[in-house]
Amino acid sequence: MDSDFYTAYLLHRRPYSDSQVMLDMLVEGVGQLRMIARISGRQATKHKAQLQPFQPLLVHYSGKYDLKYINKFELHGTPLFLKGDELYCGFYLNELTNRIVPINEPIEQVFHLYKTHLENLNSGANLQAVLRSYEFQLLELLGYGVDFSFDASGEPIDETQTYSYFPEFGFLVQEDTRSGFSGLQLNAIANHDFSQTDVLYMAKQLSRYLLKPLLGNKPLKSRELFSASQ
């Protein structure tokens, strides 16, 4: 099949042959696709410069099978110029999306979720809050979301209670209030309100726990880069 032109972002790029590169692209209205692009001739330098992260592209591709072939691509809109911690967070968005969003599965909403949070990195927002918001919404889209409204017994989350999280079950009330999630924290996470330091901290612990089975044992390079920069 031949596609029309679609808006897309490059998530990951690697050499495929002397004149070709393999690209993992997040495509509007489609999801994540793996593509081959030919980079050769007089336009090679120009094309390499265009195939960069955080740069919206218009792509025209073809192919009936899992691996697609880019016939044409061009710049579309203004790239985001991320720097410092913004840049590391952008790399994290790309790597996380690339690692856990299945290739060639029609998950249409991921593109706009990614685009919104990528732009938020450049808006002066709290970077950690942007990442937590993206993680929880991405998990929800992929079918791994957590119900923050009710506990494992079907009772509404009570702001006065303390909870532990159990996979496959959800949140259970615990008597020990020295650890666990407060009902207030869970309600804040549910509303993507990470304005409080304790909520942001607990949200990070929970998101890492939820993402671990999807990421496996291979460490995220973007986390290692960020840690090395501190």
N, C-alpha and C. Protein backbone atom coordinates (compact mmCIF):
# COMPACT_ATOMS: atom_id res chain seq x y z
N MET A 1 0.83 -1.20 0.00
CA MET A 1 0.00 0.00 0.00
C MET A 1 0.87 1.25 0.00
N ASP A 2 0.38 2.29 -0.62
CA ASP A 2 1.02 3.60 -0.56
C ASP A 2 0.24 4.48 0.39
N SER A 3 0.94 5.24 1.18
CA SER A 3 0.27 6.14 2.10
C SER A 3 0.14 7.52 1.47
N ASP A 4 -0.71 8.34 2.04
CA ASP A 4 -0.66 9.76 1.78
C ASP A 4 0.48 10.32 2.64
N PHE A 5 0.62 11.63 2.65
CA PHE A 5 1.62 12.21 3.55
C PHE A 5 1.06 12.27 4.97
N TYR A 6 1.88 11.86 5.92
CA TYR A 6 1.50 11.87 7.33
C TYR A 6 2.51 12.68 8.12
N THR A 7 2.03 13.34 9.16
CA THR A 7 2.95 14.00 10.09
C THR A 7 3.57 12.95 10.99
N ALA A 8 4.86 13.06 11.24
CA ALA A 8 5.56 12.04 12.03
C ALA A 8 6.73 12.67 12.79
N TYR A 9 7.11 11.97 13.86
CA TYR A 9 8.32 12.32 14.63
C TYR A 9 9.26 11.13 14.62
N LEU A 10 10.54 11.42 14.51
CA LEU A 10 11.55 10.37 14.60
C LEU A 10 11.82 10.04 16.07
N LEU A 11 11.70 8.76 16.42
CA LEU A 11 11.99 8.31 17.77
C LEU A 11 13.38 7.69 17.88
N HIS A 12 13.78 6.94 16.85
CA HIS A 12 15.07 6.25 16.92
C HIS A 12 15.59 6.03 15.50
N ARG A 13 16.90 6.16 15.36
CA ARG A 13 17.52 6.03 14.03
C ARG A 13 18.81 5.24 14.16
N ARG A 14 19.05 4.36 13.21
CA ARG A 14 20.28 3.57 13.21
C ARG A 14 20.63 3.17 11.77
N PRO A 15 21.92 2.91 11.49
CA PRO A 15 22.32 2.53 10.13
C PRO A 15 21.69 1.19 9.74
N TYR A 16 21.38 1.05 8.46
CA TYR A 16 20.84 -0.21 7.92
C TYR A 16 21.75 -0.78 6.84
N SER A 17 22.28 0.11 6.03
CA SER A 17 23.28 -0.27 5.01
C SER A 17 24.10 0.97 4.71
N ASP A 18 25.00 0.90 3.73
CA ASP A 18 25.83 2.06 3.41
C ASP A 18 25.01 3.26 2.98
N SER A 19 23.85 3.01 2.39
CA SER A 19 23.05 4.11 1.85
C SER A 19 21.65 4.19 2.44
N GLN A 20 21.39 3.40 3.51
CA GLN A 20 20.06 3.37 4.08
C GLN A 20 20.11 3.46 5.60
N VAL A 21 19.07 4.03 6.18
CA VAL A 21 18.94 4.07 7.63
C VAL A 21 17.59 3.48 8.02
N MET A 22 17.55 2.85 9.19
CA MET A 22 16.29 2.33 9.73
C MET A 22 15.77 3.33 10.75
N LEU A 23 14.50 3.66 10.62
CA LEU A 23 13.88 4.68 11.45
C LEU A 23 12.66 4.12 12.15
N ASP A 24 12.53 4.42 13.43
CA ASP A 24 11.29 4.17 14.15
C ASP A 24 10.58 5.51 14.25
N MET A 25 9.41 5.59 13.62
CA MET A 25 8.69 6.84 13.50
C MET A 25 7.34 6.75 14.21
N LEU A 26 6.97 7.82 14.89
CA LEU A 26 5.65 7.93 15.49
C LEU A 26 4.80 8.74 14.52
N VAL A 27 3.78 8.08 13.95
CA VAL A 27 3.03 8.63 12.83
C VAL A 27 1.62 9.01 13.27
N GLU A 28 1.22 10.21 12.93
CA GLU A 28 -0.10 10.71 13.32
C GLU A 28 -1.21 9.84 12.76
N GLY A 29 -2.15 9.44 13.65
CA GLY A 29 -3.29 8.64 13.23
C GLY A 29 -2.96 7.19 12.96
N VAL A 30 -1.70 6.78 13.19
CA VAL A 30 -1.29 5.40 12.88
C VAL A 30 -0.68 4.72 14.10
N GLY A 31 0.39 5.30 14.63
CA GLY A 31 1.13 4.69 15.73
C GLY A 31 2.60 4.65 15.40
N GLN A 32 3.32 3.69 15.95
CA GLN A 32 4.76 3.59 15.68
C GLN A 32 5.00 2.63 14.53
N LEU A 33 5.77 3.09 13.55
CA LEU A 33 6.11 2.28 12.39
C LEU A 33 7.63 2.24 12.24
N ARG A 34 8.11 1.12 11.71
CA ARG A 34 9.54 0.97 11.40
C ARG A 34 9.72 1.15 9.90
N MET A 35 10.65 2.02 9.50
CA MET A 35 10.80 2.38 8.10
C MET A 35 12.27 2.36 7.68
N ILE A 36 12.46 2.18 6.38
CA ILE A 36 13.77 2.30 5.77
C ILE A 36 13.79 3.54 4.90
N ALA A 37 14.82 4.36 5.04
CA ALA A 37 14.99 5.55 4.21
C ALA A 37 16.33 5.47 3.50
N ARG A 38 16.34 5.81 2.20
CA ARG A 38 17.59 5.83 1.43
C ARG A 38 18.22 7.21 1.59
N ILE A 39 19.47 7.22 2.03
CA ILE A 39 20.22 8.47 2.21
C ILE A 39 21.47 8.38 1.35
N SER A 40 21.38 8.92 0.14
CA SER A 40 22.53 8.84 -0.76
C SER A 40 22.44 9.97 -1.79
N GLY A 41 23.50 10.13 -2.55
CA GLY A 41 23.52 11.14 -3.60
C GLY A 41 23.77 12.54 -3.06
N ARG A 42 23.45 13.52 -3.89
CA ARG A 42 23.74 14.91 -3.57
C ARG A 42 22.92 15.44 -2.39
N GLN A 43 21.77 14.80 -2.13
CA GLN A 43 20.88 15.25 -1.06
C GLN A 43 21.16 14.56 0.28
N ALA A 44 22.18 13.70 0.33
CA ALA A 44 22.42 12.88 1.53
C ALA A 44 22.63 13.74 2.77
N THR A 45 23.49 14.74 2.67
CA THR A 45 23.78 15.59 3.84
C THR A 45 22.53 16.32 4.30
N LYS A 46 21.78 16.85 3.35
CA LYS A 46 20.54 17.56 3.68
C LYS A 46 19.55 16.63 4.36
N HIS A 47 19.38 15.43 3.81
CA HIS A 47 18.41 14.49 4.37
C HIS A 47 18.81 14.03 5.77
N LYS A 48 20.09 13.80 5.98
CA LYS A 48 20.55 13.42 7.31
C LYS A 48 20.26 14.52 8.33
N ALA A 49 20.44 15.77 7.91
CA ALA A 49 20.19 16.89 8.81
C ALA A 49 18.70 17.03 9.14
N GLN A 50 17.84 16.61 8.23
CA GLN A 50 16.40 16.71 8.45
C GLN A 50 15.88 15.61 9.36
N LEU A 51 16.52 14.46 9.31
CA LEU A 51 16.06 13.31 10.10
C LEU A 51 16.61 13.41 11.52
N GLN A 52 16.03 14.32 12.30
CA GLN A 52 16.48 14.58 13.65
C GLN A 52 15.31 14.47 14.62
N PRO A 53 15.58 14.13 15.88
CA PRO A 53 14.51 14.10 16.89
C PRO A 53 13.88 15.48 17.07
N PHE A 54 12.62 15.47 17.50
CA PHE A 54 11.87 16.67 17.87
C PHE A 54 11.54 17.57 16.68
N GLN A 55 11.79 17.08 15.46
CA GLN A 55 11.48 17.81 14.24
C GLN A 55 10.27 17.18 13.57
N PRO A 56 9.13 17.87 13.51
CA PRO A 56 7.99 17.29 12.80
C PRO A 56 8.29 17.16 11.31
N LEU A 57 7.91 16.01 10.75
CA LEU A 57 8.16 15.71 9.35
C LEU A 57 6.85 15.33 8.66
N LEU A 58 6.80 15.54 7.36
CA LEU A 58 5.77 14.94 6.54
C LEU A 58 6.41 13.76 5.81
N VAL A 59 5.84 12.57 5.96
CA VAL A 59 6.42 11.38 5.35
C VAL A 59 5.40 10.70 4.45
N HIS A 60 5.89 10.17 3.36
CA HIS A 60 5.09 9.36 2.44
C HIS A 60 5.79 8.02 2.37
N TYR A 61 5.09 6.94 2.72
CA TYR A 61 5.73 5.64 2.80
C TYR A 61 4.89 4.59 2.08
N SER A 62 5.50 3.44 1.83
CA SER A 62 4.81 2.33 1.18
C SER A 62 5.27 1.02 1.80
N GLY A 63 4.53 -0.03 1.52
CA GLY A 63 4.88 -1.35 2.04
C GLY A 63 3.70 -2.07 2.65
N LYS A 64 3.53 -3.33 2.32
CA LYS A 64 2.41 -4.13 2.84
C LYS A 64 2.77 -4.84 4.14
N TYR A 65 4.04 -4.94 4.42
CA TYR A 65 4.47 -5.74 5.55
C TYR A 65 4.94 -4.84 6.70
N ASP A 66 5.52 -5.45 7.71
CA ASP A 66 5.87 -4.71 8.92
C ASP A 66 6.89 -3.60 8.65
N LEU A 67 7.81 -3.85 7.75
CA LEU A 67 8.84 -2.85 7.45
C LEU A 67 8.39 -1.99 6.27
N LYS A 68 8.28 -0.69 6.51
CA LYS A 68 7.83 0.23 5.48
C LYS A 68 9.04 0.92 4.83
N TYR A 69 8.79 1.54 3.68
CA TYR A 69 9.84 2.26 2.97
C TYR A 69 9.39 3.71 2.74
N ILE A 70 10.22 4.64 3.17
CA ILE A 70 9.90 6.05 2.97
C ILE A 70 10.21 6.43 1.53
N ASN A 71 9.19 6.90 0.84
CA ASN A 71 9.37 7.36 -0.54
C ASN A 71 9.79 8.83 -0.58
N LYS A 72 9.18 9.63 0.27
CA LYS A 72 9.50 11.06 0.34
C LYS A 72 9.32 11.53 1.77
N PHE A 73 10.09 12.52 2.15
CA PHE A 73 9.86 13.19 3.43
C PHE A 73 10.33 14.62 3.33
N GLU A 74 9.73 15.47 4.14
CA GLU A 74 10.11 16.88 4.15
C GLU A 74 9.82 17.46 5.52
N LEU A 75 10.47 18.57 5.83
CA LEU A 75 10.25 19.25 7.10
C LEU A 75 8.83 19.79 7.16
N HIS A 76 8.27 19.78 8.37
CA HIS A 76 6.89 20.23 8.54
C HIS A 76 6.79 20.98 9.87
N GLY A 77 6.81 22.30 9.79
CA GLY A 77 6.74 23.07 11.03
C GLY A 77 8.11 23.33 11.61
N THR A 78 8.11 23.92 12.78
CA THR A 78 9.34 24.37 13.43
C THR A 78 9.83 23.33 14.43
N PRO A 79 11.09 22.94 14.38
CA PRO A 79 11.61 21.99 15.37
C PRO A 79 11.68 22.61 16.75
N LEU A 80 11.63 21.76 17.76
CA LEU A 80 11.82 22.22 19.12
C LEU A 80 13.32 22.22 19.44
N PHE A 81 13.80 23.32 19.95
CA PHE A 81 15.21 23.39 20.33
C PHE A 81 15.32 23.21 21.84
N LEU A 82 15.42 21.95 22.25
CA LEU A 82 15.52 21.63 23.66
C LEU A 82 16.98 21.71 24.08
N LYS A 83 17.21 22.12 25.30
CA LYS A 83 18.58 22.18 25.80
C LYS A 83 18.60 21.81 27.27
N GLY A 84 19.77 21.43 27.76
CA GLY A 84 19.92 21.09 29.16
C GLY A 84 19.00 19.95 29.57
N ASP A 85 18.36 20.12 30.72
CA ASP A 85 17.47 19.08 31.23
C ASP A 85 16.29 18.83 30.29
N GLU A 86 15.84 19.86 29.57
CA GLU A 86 14.76 19.68 28.60
C GLU A 86 15.16 18.65 27.55
N LEU A 87 16.39 18.73 27.10
CA LEU A 87 16.87 17.82 26.07
C LEU A 87 16.91 16.38 26.58
N TYR A 88 17.43 16.18 27.79
CA TYR A 88 17.46 14.83 28.36
C TYR A 88 16.05 14.28 28.53
N CYS A 89 15.11 15.14 28.94
CA CYS A 89 13.73 14.69 29.09
C CYS A 89 13.12 14.34 27.73
N GLY A 90 13.49 15.10 26.70
CA GLY A 90 13.03 14.77 25.36
C GLY A 90 13.56 13.43 24.90
N PHE A 91 14.83 13.16 25.16
CA PHE A 91 15.40 11.85 24.83
C PHE A 91 14.64 10.74 25.58
N TYR A 92 14.27 11.04 26.83
CA TYR A 92 13.53 10.05 27.62
C TYR A 92 12.16 9.77 27.00
N LEU A 93 11.45 10.81 26.59
CA LEU A 93 10.15 10.60 25.94
C LEU A 93 10.31 9.72 24.70
N ASN A 94 11.34 10.01 23.90
CA ASN A 94 11.56 9.23 22.69
C ASN A 94 11.88 7.77 23.00
N GLU A 95 12.80 7.57 23.95
CA GLU A 95 13.23 6.20 24.24
C GLU A 95 12.10 5.40 24.88
N LEU A 96 11.38 6.01 25.80
CA LEU A 96 10.27 5.31 26.45
C LEU A 96 9.21 4.93 25.42
N THR A 97 8.84 5.87 24.57
CA THR A 97 7.83 5.61 23.54
C THR A 97 8.29 4.50 22.61
N ASN A 98 9.53 4.60 22.16
CA ASN A 98 10.09 3.61 21.26
C ASN A 98 10.13 2.21 21.87
N ARG A 99 10.42 2.15 23.16
CA ARG A 99 10.58 0.86 23.82
C ARG A 99 9.24 0.17 24.15
N ILE A 100 8.21 0.93 24.52
CA ILE A 100 7.01 0.27 25.03
C ILE A 100 5.79 0.37 24.11
N VAL A 101 5.82 1.25 23.12
CA VAL A 101 4.69 1.30 22.17
C VAL A 101 4.95 0.26 21.09
N PRO A 102 4.06 -0.70 20.90
CA PRO A 102 4.29 -1.77 19.91
C PRO A 102 4.42 -1.21 18.49
N ILE A 103 5.28 -1.83 17.71
CA ILE A 103 5.44 -1.48 16.30
C ILE A 103 4.25 -2.02 15.52
N ASN A 104 3.73 -1.22 14.61
CA ASN A 104 2.67 -1.65 13.68
C ASN A 104 1.36 -2.03 14.36
N GLU A 105 1.10 -1.46 15.52
CA GLU A 105 -0.21 -1.64 16.13
C GLU A 105 -0.93 -0.29 16.11
N PRO A 106 -2.21 -0.28 15.71
CA PRO A 106 -2.92 1.00 15.54
C PRO A 106 -3.30 1.64 16.87
N ILE A 107 -2.38 2.37 17.45
CA ILE A 107 -2.64 3.11 18.69
C ILE A 107 -2.57 4.59 18.32
N GLU A 108 -3.69 5.09 17.81
CA GLU A 108 -3.71 6.39 17.15
C GLU A 108 -3.43 7.54 18.10
N GLN A 109 -3.89 7.44 19.35
CA GLN A 109 -3.81 8.59 20.26
C GLN A 109 -2.40 8.88 20.75
N VAL A 110 -1.48 7.94 20.56
CA VAL A 110 -0.13 8.12 21.11
C VAL A 110 0.54 9.34 20.50
N PHE A 111 0.33 9.58 19.21
CA PHE A 111 1.01 10.69 18.54
C PHE A 111 0.68 12.01 19.23
N HIS A 112 -0.58 12.29 19.46
CA HIS A 112 -0.95 13.58 20.04
C HIS A 112 -0.56 13.66 21.52
N LEU A 113 -0.59 12.52 22.21
CA LEU A 113 -0.12 12.51 23.59
C LEU A 113 1.36 12.88 23.63
N TYR A 114 2.14 12.27 22.75
CA TYR A 114 3.57 12.55 22.67
C TYR A 114 3.82 14.01 22.29
N LYS A 115 3.15 14.49 21.23
CA LYS A 115 3.36 15.84 20.73
C LYS A 115 3.06 16.88 21.82
N THR A 116 1.96 16.68 22.55
CA THR A 116 1.58 17.63 23.61
C THR A 116 2.64 17.69 24.69
N HIS A 117 3.11 16.53 25.14
CA HIS A 117 4.08 16.51 26.24
C HIS A 117 5.47 16.95 25.77
N LEU A 118 5.81 16.66 24.52
CA LEU A 118 7.08 17.17 23.99
C LEU A 118 7.08 18.69 23.98
N GLU A 119 5.99 19.28 23.54
CA GLU A 119 5.89 20.74 23.53
C GLU A 119 5.87 21.30 24.95
N ASN A 120 5.29 20.57 25.89
CA ASN A 120 5.25 21.03 27.28
C ASN A 120 6.64 21.11 27.89
N LEU A 121 7.56 20.28 27.40
CA LEU A 121 8.94 20.34 27.90
C LEU A 121 9.56 21.70 27.62
N ASN A 122 9.09 22.35 26.58
CA ASN A 122 9.66 23.61 26.13
C ASN A 122 8.82 24.81 26.56
N SER A 123 7.89 24.57 27.51
CA SER A 123 6.94 25.62 27.88
C SER A 123 7.22 26.25 29.24
N GLY A 124 8.28 25.80 29.90
CA GLY A 124 8.56 26.31 31.24
C GLY A 124 7.87 25.54 32.34
N ALA A 125 7.17 24.45 31.98
CA ALA A 125 6.50 23.62 32.97
C ALA A 125 7.52 22.82 33.77
N ASN A 126 7.09 22.30 34.93
CA ASN A 126 7.94 21.41 35.73
C ASN A 126 8.22 20.15 34.91
N LEU A 127 9.48 19.92 34.59
CA LEU A 127 9.83 18.83 33.68
C LEU A 127 9.43 17.46 34.24
N GLN A 128 9.65 17.26 35.54
CA GLN A 128 9.31 15.98 36.14
C GLN A 128 7.79 15.75 36.10
N ALA A 129 7.02 16.81 36.28
CA ALA A 129 5.56 16.70 36.21
C ALA A 129 5.12 16.32 34.79
N VAL A 130 5.79 16.89 33.78
CA VAL A 130 5.47 16.54 32.39
C VAL A 130 5.73 15.06 32.13
N LEU A 131 6.86 14.57 32.63
CA LEU A 131 7.20 13.16 32.42
C LEU A 131 6.22 12.22 33.11
N ARG A 132 5.85 12.55 34.35
CA ARG A 132 4.90 11.69 35.07
C ARG A 132 3.54 11.68 34.37
N SER A 133 3.10 12.83 33.92
CA SER A 133 1.82 12.91 33.21
C SER A 133 1.86 12.03 31.97
N TYR A 134 2.95 12.10 31.22
CA TYR A 134 3.08 11.30 30.00
C TYR A 134 3.10 9.81 30.32
N GLU A 135 3.87 9.43 31.32
CA GLU A 135 3.98 8.01 31.68
C GLU A 135 2.63 7.41 32.01
N PHE A 136 1.88 8.06 32.89
CA PHE A 136 0.60 7.49 33.32
C PHE A 136 -0.42 7.47 32.19
N GLN A 137 -0.44 8.50 31.37
CA GLN A 137 -1.39 8.51 30.26
C GLN A 137 -0.99 7.50 29.18
N LEU A 138 0.30 7.32 28.96
CA LEU A 138 0.76 6.33 27.99
C LEU A 138 0.42 4.92 28.47
N LEU A 139 0.64 4.64 29.75
CA LEU A 139 0.27 3.34 30.30
C LEU A 139 -1.22 3.08 30.13
N GLU A 140 -2.03 4.10 30.32
CA GLU A 140 -3.47 3.97 30.15
C GLU A 140 -3.81 3.62 28.71
N LEU A 141 -3.20 4.29 27.75
CA LEU A 141 -3.45 4.02 26.34
C LEU A 141 -3.06 2.60 25.94
N LEU A 142 -2.00 2.09 26.55
CA LEU A 142 -1.49 0.77 26.20
C LEU A 142 -2.20 -0.35 26.96
N GLY A 143 -3.15 0.00 27.81
CA GLY A 143 -3.90 -1.02 28.55
C GLY A 143 -3.27 -1.43 29.86
N TYR A 144 -2.32 -0.64 30.36
CA TYR A 144 -1.65 -0.96 31.63
C TYR A 144 -1.93 0.11 32.68
N GLY A 145 -3.01 0.84 32.50
CA GLY A 145 -3.33 1.92 33.42
C GLY A 145 -3.78 1.42 34.78
N VAL A 146 -3.76 2.32 35.74
CA VAL A 146 -4.13 2.02 37.12
C VAL A 146 -5.42 2.78 37.44
N ASP A 147 -6.33 2.14 38.15
CA ASP A 147 -7.56 2.79 38.58
C ASP A 147 -7.28 3.55 39.87
N PHE A 148 -7.24 4.87 39.77
CA PHE A 148 -6.97 5.71 40.93
C PHE A 148 -8.25 6.15 41.63
N SER A 149 -9.39 5.78 41.09
CA SER A 149 -10.66 6.23 41.66
C SER A 149 -11.21 5.30 42.73
N PHE A 150 -10.92 3.98 42.61
CA PHE A 150 -11.45 2.99 43.53
C PHE A 150 -10.34 2.07 44.01
N ASP A 151 -10.50 1.55 45.23
CA ASP A 151 -9.52 0.59 45.73
C ASP A 151 -9.87 -0.80 45.24
N ALA A 152 -9.11 -1.80 45.65
CA ALA A 152 -9.29 -3.16 45.18
C ALA A 152 -10.61 -3.77 45.63
N SER A 153 -11.22 -3.18 46.65
CA SER A 153 -12.52 -3.67 47.14
C SER A 153 -13.69 -2.98 46.46
N GLY A 154 -13.39 -2.06 45.54
CA GLY A 154 -14.45 -1.34 44.86
C GLY A 154 -14.92 -0.10 45.58
N GLU A 155 -14.25 0.27 46.66
CA GLU A 155 -14.62 1.47 47.42
C GLU A 155 -13.88 2.68 46.86
N PRO A 156 -14.52 3.85 46.84
CA PRO A 156 -13.82 5.06 46.38
C PRO A 156 -12.58 5.33 47.23
N ILE A 157 -11.52 5.81 46.57
CA ILE A 157 -10.32 6.18 47.31
C ILE A 157 -10.65 7.24 48.34
N ASP A 158 -10.27 6.97 49.59
CA ASP A 158 -10.58 7.86 50.72
C ASP A 158 -9.34 8.69 51.04
N GLU A 159 -9.49 10.01 51.02
CA GLU A 159 -8.35 10.88 51.25
C GLU A 159 -7.74 10.71 52.64
N THR A 160 -8.48 10.15 53.56
CA THR A 160 -7.99 10.00 54.94
C THR A 160 -7.27 8.67 55.16
N GLN A 161 -7.27 7.79 54.15
CA GLN A 161 -6.67 6.47 54.30
C GLN A 161 -5.29 6.41 53.66
N THR A 162 -4.56 5.34 53.99
CA THR A 162 -3.25 5.07 53.39
C THR A 162 -3.35 3.74 52.65
N TYR A 163 -2.70 3.65 51.49
CA TYR A 163 -2.86 2.49 50.61
C TYR A 163 -1.52 1.91 50.17
N SER A 164 -1.56 0.60 49.92
CA SER A 164 -0.47 -0.09 49.24
C SER A 164 -0.97 -0.51 47.86
N TYR A 165 -0.05 -0.61 46.90
CA TYR A 165 -0.44 -1.04 45.55
C TYR A 165 -0.01 -2.48 45.31
N PHE A 166 -0.95 -3.29 44.78
CA PHE A 166 -0.68 -4.69 44.45
C PHE A 166 -1.04 -4.93 42.99
N PRO A 167 -0.08 -5.41 42.19
CA PRO A 167 -0.38 -5.69 40.78
C PRO A 167 -1.57 -6.65 40.65
N GLU A 168 -2.34 -6.46 39.63
CA GLU A 168 -3.53 -7.27 39.33
C GLU A 168 -4.70 -6.97 40.25
N PHE A 169 -4.47 -6.33 41.37
CA PHE A 169 -5.55 -6.03 42.31
C PHE A 169 -5.83 -4.53 42.39
N GLY A 170 -4.80 -3.75 42.62
CA GLY A 170 -4.97 -2.31 42.78
C GLY A 170 -4.53 -1.86 44.16
N PHE A 171 -5.19 -0.87 44.68
CA PHE A 171 -4.81 -0.27 45.96
C PHE A 171 -5.63 -0.88 47.10
N LEU A 172 -4.92 -1.26 48.17
CA LEU A 172 -5.56 -1.80 49.36
C LEU A 172 -5.23 -0.92 50.56
N VAL A 173 -6.21 -0.73 51.40
CA VAL A 173 -6.00 0.09 52.61
C VAL A 173 -5.02 -0.61 53.53
N GLN A 174 -4.09 0.14 54.09
CA GLN A 174 -3.15 -0.39 55.06
C GLN A 174 -3.23 0.44 56.34
N GLU A 175 -2.93 -0.23 57.46
CA GLU A 175 -3.02 0.46 58.75
C GLU A 175 -1.80 1.34 59.03
N ASP A 176 -0.64 0.91 58.54
CA ASP A 176 0.59 1.66 58.79
C ASP A 176 0.60 2.92 57.92
N THR A 177 0.57 4.06 58.54
CA THR A 177 0.54 5.32 57.79
C THR A 177 1.94 5.90 57.55
N ARG A 178 2.98 5.18 57.97
CA ARG A 178 4.34 5.68 57.80
C ARG A 178 4.88 5.45 56.40
N SER A 179 4.22 4.62 55.62
CA SER A 179 4.64 4.36 54.25
C SER A 179 3.38 4.18 53.39
N GLY A 180 3.56 4.00 52.08
CA GLY A 180 2.41 3.83 51.21
C GLY A 180 1.92 5.15 50.64
N PHE A 181 0.80 5.08 49.95
CA PHE A 181 0.21 6.24 49.29
C PHE A 181 -0.97 6.75 50.10
N SER A 182 -0.99 8.05 50.34
CA SER A 182 -2.17 8.61 50.98
C SER A 182 -3.26 8.77 49.93
N GLY A 183 -4.51 8.77 50.39
CA GLY A 183 -5.61 8.99 49.47
C GLY A 183 -5.49 10.32 48.76
N LEU A 184 -4.99 11.33 49.45
CA LEU A 184 -4.77 12.64 48.83
C LEU A 184 -3.79 12.56 47.67
N GLN A 185 -2.72 11.81 47.87
CA GLN A 185 -1.72 11.65 46.81
C GLN A 185 -2.30 10.93 45.60
N LEU A 186 -3.08 9.89 45.84
CA LEU A 186 -3.67 9.14 44.74
C LEU A 186 -4.65 10.00 43.95
N ASN A 187 -5.43 10.80 44.64
CA ASN A 187 -6.36 11.69 43.94
C ASN A 187 -5.61 12.72 43.11
N ALA A 188 -4.50 13.22 43.65
CA ALA A 188 -3.70 14.19 42.90
C ALA A 188 -3.10 13.56 41.65
N ILE A 189 -2.57 12.33 41.78
CA ILE A 189 -2.01 11.63 40.62
C ILE A 189 -3.09 11.39 39.58
N ALA A 190 -4.27 11.01 40.03
CA ALA A 190 -5.39 10.75 39.11
C ALA A 190 -5.71 12.00 38.29
N ASN A 191 -5.56 13.17 38.90
CA ASN A 191 -5.85 14.44 38.23
C ASN A 191 -4.63 15.05 37.54
N HIS A 192 -3.53 14.30 37.51
CA HIS A 192 -2.26 14.78 36.94
C HIS A 192 -1.84 16.10 37.56
N ASP A 193 -2.07 16.18 38.87
CA ASP A 193 -1.67 17.36 39.63
C ASP A 193 -0.42 16.99 40.43
N PHE A 194 0.74 17.39 39.90
CA PHE A 194 2.01 17.04 40.53
C PHE A 194 2.67 18.27 41.15
N SER A 195 1.85 19.20 41.59
CA SER A 195 2.37 20.45 42.13
C SER A 195 3.00 20.28 43.51
N GLN A 196 2.62 19.22 44.24
CA GLN A 196 3.19 18.97 45.56
C GLN A 196 4.38 18.02 45.46
N THR A 197 5.44 18.33 46.18
CA THR A 197 6.67 17.54 46.10
C THR A 197 6.44 16.08 46.47
N ASP A 198 5.64 15.82 47.51
CA ASP A 198 5.43 14.44 47.93
C ASP A 198 4.65 13.65 46.88
N VAL A 199 3.71 14.31 46.21
CA VAL A 199 2.94 13.65 45.15
C VAL A 199 3.86 13.30 43.99
N LEU A 200 4.71 14.23 43.60
CA LEU A 200 5.64 13.99 42.50
C LEU A 200 6.59 12.84 42.81
N TYR A 201 7.06 12.78 44.05
CA TYR A 201 7.96 11.71 44.45
C TYR A 201 7.26 10.34 44.40
N MET A 202 6.06 10.25 44.97
CA MET A 202 5.34 8.98 44.99
C MET A 202 4.91 8.56 43.59
N ALA A 203 4.58 9.54 42.76
CA ALA A 203 4.20 9.23 41.38
C ALA A 203 5.38 8.62 40.62
N LYS A 204 6.57 9.14 40.88
CA LYS A 204 7.76 8.61 40.21
C LYS A 204 8.02 7.17 40.64
N GLN A 205 7.88 6.87 41.92
CA GLN A 205 8.09 5.50 42.39
C GLN A 205 7.09 4.55 41.75
N LEU A 206 5.84 4.98 41.67
CA LEU A 206 4.80 4.12 41.11
C LEU A 206 5.00 3.93 39.61
N SER A 207 5.32 4.99 38.91
CA SER A 207 5.48 4.86 37.45
C SER A 207 6.66 3.95 37.11
N ARG A 208 7.73 4.06 37.85
CA ARG A 208 8.88 3.18 37.59
C ARG A 208 8.52 1.72 37.84
N TYR A 209 7.72 1.49 38.88
CA TYR A 209 7.28 0.13 39.19
C TYR A 209 6.40 -0.42 38.06
N LEU A 210 5.51 0.40 37.56
CA LEU A 210 4.59 -0.04 36.51
C LEU A 210 5.30 -0.22 35.17
N LEU A 211 6.32 0.58 34.91
CA LEU A 211 7.02 0.51 33.63
C LEU A 211 8.04 -0.63 33.56
N LYS A 212 8.52 -1.07 34.70
CA LYS A 212 9.60 -2.06 34.72
C LYS A 212 9.27 -3.33 33.93
N PRO A 213 8.08 -3.94 34.09
CA PRO A 213 7.80 -5.15 33.31
C PRO A 213 7.80 -4.89 31.80
N LEU A 214 7.45 -3.69 31.39
CA LEU A 214 7.40 -3.37 29.96
C LEU A 214 8.79 -3.08 29.41
N LEU A 215 9.65 -2.49 30.23
CA LEU A 215 10.99 -2.14 29.78
C LEU A 215 11.98 -3.29 29.90
N GLY A 216 11.69 -4.23 30.80
CA GLY A 216 12.62 -5.33 31.01
C GLY A 216 13.86 -4.89 31.75
N ASN A 217 14.93 -5.67 31.60
CA ASN A 217 16.16 -5.41 32.35
C ASN A 217 17.12 -4.46 31.64
N LYS A 218 16.85 -4.16 30.39
CA LYS A 218 17.74 -3.27 29.64
C LYS A 218 17.55 -1.85 30.13
N PRO A 219 18.61 -1.22 30.65
CA PRO A 219 18.46 0.14 31.20
C PRO A 219 18.16 1.15 30.11
N LEU A 220 17.51 2.23 30.51
CA LEU A 220 17.24 3.33 29.59
C LEU A 220 18.49 4.20 29.43
N LYS A 221 18.95 4.37 28.21
CA LYS A 221 20.15 5.17 27.97
C LYS A 221 19.93 6.63 28.36
N SER A 222 18.70 7.12 28.17
CA SER A 222 18.42 8.52 28.49
C SER A 222 18.55 8.78 29.99
N ARG A 223 18.19 7.81 30.81
CA ARG A 223 18.36 7.96 32.26
C ARG A 223 19.84 8.01 32.61
N GLU A 224 20.62 7.15 31.95
CA GLU A 224 22.06 7.11 32.22
C GLU A 224 22.73 8.42 31.81
N LEU A 225 22.31 8.98 30.67
CA LEU A 225 22.85 10.26 30.21
C LEU A 225 22.52 11.38 31.18
N PHE A 226 21.26 11.38 31.66
CA PHE A 226 20.83 12.42 32.58
C PHE A 226 21.61 12.32 33.89
N SER A 227 21.78 11.08 34.40
CA SER A 227 22.51 10.89 35.67
C SER A 227 23.96 11.33 35.51
N ALA A 228 24.55 11.04 34.35
CA ALA A 228 25.95 11.39 34.13
C ALA A 228 26.14 12.91 34.03
N SER A 229 25.07 13.61 33.66
CA SER A 229 25.19 15.06 33.47
C SER A 229 25.07 15.83 34.79
N GLN A 230 24.56 15.15 35.82
CA GLN A 230 24.31 15.85 37.08
C GLN A 230 25.59 16.00 37.91
